């Protein structure tokens, strides 16, 4: 499976030796021909890993997944601003 988007970003400077990272990947749907792709956001902080799945197989689930991502971004933005 090819990816439409794949990115891993380490969150701490290399000098800290901390392994915190964000890894996001979205599989290519081949112009909608494949609707059961694996779309994941992984957030890791040293020994803890949290995985968020964003299922896009139906119109309703796409809407729910985008809303989940919007809420996550909003919460992180508010956390940063506080």
C-alpha atoms as a PDB file:
ATOM      1  CA  UNK A   1       0.000   0.000   0.000  1.00  0.00           C
ATOM      2  CA  UNK A   2       1.314   3.422  -0.870  1.00  0.00           C
ATOM      3  CA  UNK A   3       0.908   6.405   1.392  1.00  0.00           C
ATOM      4  CA  UNK A   4      -0.658   9.756   0.587  1.00  0.00           C
ATOM      5  CA  UNK A   5       1.072  11.172   3.653  1.00  0.00           C
ATOM      6  CA  UNK A   6       3.669   9.790   6.029  1.00  0.00           C
ATOM      7  CA  UNK A   7       5.668  11.831   8.533  1.00  0.00           C
ATOM      8  CA  UNK A   8       7.486  11.122  11.799  1.00  0.00           C
ATOM      9  CA  UNK A   9       8.722  14.045  13.844  1.00  0.00           C
ATOM     10  CA  UNK A  10      10.789  13.769  17.006  1.00  0.00           C
ATOM     11  CA  UNK A  11       9.565  16.177  19.674  1.00  0.00           C
ATOM     12  CA  UNK A  12      12.751  16.711  21.695  1.00  0.00           C
ATOM     13  CA  UNK A  13      16.216  17.832  20.658  1.00  0.00           C
ATOM     14  CA  UNK A  14      18.614  14.989  19.857  1.00  0.00           C
ATOM     15  CA  UNK A  15      20.819  16.040  22.787  1.00  0.00           C
ATOM     16  CA  UNK A  16      18.137  14.950  25.301  1.00  0.00           C
ATOM     17  CA  UNK A  17      18.169  11.335  24.055  1.00  0.00           C
ATOM     18  CA  UNK A  18      14.383  11.334  24.657  1.00  0.00           C
ATOM     19  CA  UNK A  19      12.390   9.343  22.132  1.00  0.00           C
ATOM     20  CA  UNK A  20       9.162  11.352  22.063  1.00  0.00           C
ATOM     21  CA  UNK A  21       7.665  11.575  18.589  1.00  0.00           C
ATOM     22  CA  UNK A  22       4.562  12.048  16.474  1.00  0.00           C
ATOM     23  CA  UNK A  23       4.051   9.664  13.563  1.00  0.00           C
ATOM     24  CA  UNK A  24       1.233  10.219  11.099  1.00  0.00           C
ATOM     25  CA  UNK A  25       0.373   8.155   8.082  1.00  0.00           C
ATOM     26  CA  UNK A  26      -2.506   8.157   5.645  1.00  0.00           C
ATOM     27  CA  UNK A  27      -2.768   5.428   3.043  1.00  0.00           C
ATOM     28  CA  UNK A  28      -3.530   6.328  -0.547  1.00  0.00           C
ATOM     29  CA  UNK A  29      -7.179   5.596  -1.373  1.00  0.00           C
ATOM     30  CA  UNK A  30      -6.436   5.466  -5.118  1.00  0.00           C
ATOM     31  CA  UNK A  31      -9.009   8.154  -5.884  1.00  0.00           C
ATOM     32  CA  UNK A  32     -11.591   6.572  -3.544  1.00  0.00           C
ATOM     33  CA  UNK A  33     -11.271   3.033  -4.937  1.00  0.00           C
ATOM     34  CA  UNK A  34     -10.022   1.800  -1.552  1.00  0.00           C
ATOM     35  CA  UNK A  35     -12.102   2.988   1.387  1.00  0.00           C
ATOM     36  CA  UNK A  36     -10.633   0.861   4.182  1.00  0.00           C
ATOM     37  CA  UNK A  37      -7.192   2.401   4.449  1.00  0.00           C
ATOM     38  CA  UNK A  38      -5.108   2.576   7.584  1.00  0.00           C
ATOM     39  CA  UNK A  39      -4.978   6.195   8.759  1.00  0.00           C
ATOM     40  CA  UNK A  40      -3.151   6.555  12.058  1.00  0.00           C
ATOM     41  CA  UNK A  41      -1.736   9.222  14.298  1.00  0.00           C
ATOM     42  CA  UNK A  42       0.726   7.928  16.898  1.00  0.00           C
ATOM     43  CA  UNK A  43       1.948  10.116  19.750  1.00  0.00           C
ATOM     44  CA  UNK A  44       4.769   8.700  21.858  1.00  0.00           C
ATOM     45  CA  UNK A  45       6.481  10.099  24.918  1.00  0.00           C
ATOM     46  CA  UNK A  46       9.393   7.901  26.019  1.00  0.00           C
ATOM     47  CA  UNK A  47       7.608   4.753  27.263  1.00  0.00           C
ATOM     48  CA  UNK A  48       3.987   5.662  26.512  1.00  0.00           C
ATOM     49  CA  UNK A  49       2.412   5.354  23.086  1.00  0.00           C
ATOM     50  CA  UNK A  50      -1.084   6.455  22.088  1.00  0.00           C
ATOM     51  CA  UNK A  51      -2.549   5.547  18.708  1.00  0.00           C
ATOM     52  CA  UNK A  52      -5.491   7.346  17.131  1.00  0.00           C
ATOM     53  CA  UNK A  53      -7.318   5.724  14.235  1.00  0.00           C
ATOM     54  CA  UNK A  54      -9.183   7.743  11.632  1.00  0.00           C
ATOM     55  CA  UNK A  55     -11.486   5.451   9.661  1.00  0.00           C
ATOM     56  CA  UNK A  56     -12.664   6.947   6.376  1.00  0.00           C
ATOM     57  CA  UNK A  57     -14.691   4.055   4.934  1.00  0.00           C
ATOM     58  CA  UNK A  58     -18.084   5.765   5.000  1.00  0.00           C
ATOM     59  CA  UNK A  59     -19.251   9.363   4.732  1.00  0.00           C
ATOM     60  CA  UNK A  60     -20.388   9.345   8.371  1.00  0.00           C
ATOM     61  CA  UNK A  61     -17.099   7.881   9.630  1.00  0.00           C
ATOM     62  CA  UNK A  62     -15.091  10.410   7.578  1.00  0.00           C
ATOM     63  CA  UNK A  63     -17.105  13.190   9.200  1.00  0.00           C
ATOM     64  CA  UNK A  64     -16.542  11.682  12.670  1.00  0.00           C
ATOM     65  CA  UNK A  65     -12.813  11.218  12.042  1.00  0.00           C
ATOM     66  CA  UNK A  66     -12.370  14.799  10.859  1.00  0.00           C
ATOM     67  CA  UNK A  67     -14.324  16.057  13.884  1.00  0.00           C
ATOM     68  CA  UNK A  68     -12.102  13.951  16.184  1.00  0.00           C
ATOM     69  CA  UNK A  69      -8.994  15.430  14.598  1.00  0.00           C
ATOM     70  CA  UNK A  70     -10.390  18.978  14.871  1.00  0.00           C
ATOM     71  CA  UNK A  71     -11.127  18.464  18.593  1.00  0.00           C
ATOM     72  CA  UNK A  72      -7.642  17.087  19.169  1.00  0.00           C
ATOM     73  CA  UNK A  73      -6.022  20.054  17.401  1.00  0.00           C
ATOM     74  CA  UNK A  74      -8.245  22.505  19.305  1.00  0.00           C
ATOM     75  CA  UNK A  75      -7.349  20.938  22.668  1.00  0.00           C
ATOM     76  CA  UNK A  76      -3.625  20.915  21.900  1.00  0.00           C
ATOM     77  CA  UNK A  77      -3.765  24.528  20.746  1.00  0.00           C
ATOM     78  CA  UNK A  78      -5.562  25.582  23.938  1.00  0.00           C
ATOM     79  CA  UNK A  79      -3.059  23.599  26.029  1.00  0.00           C
ATOM     80  CA  UNK A  80      -0.168  25.373  24.303  1.00  0.00           C
ATOM     81  CA  UNK A  81      -1.794  28.793  24.755  1.00  0.00           C
ATOM     82  CA  UNK A  82      -2.472  28.214  28.457  1.00  0.00           C
END
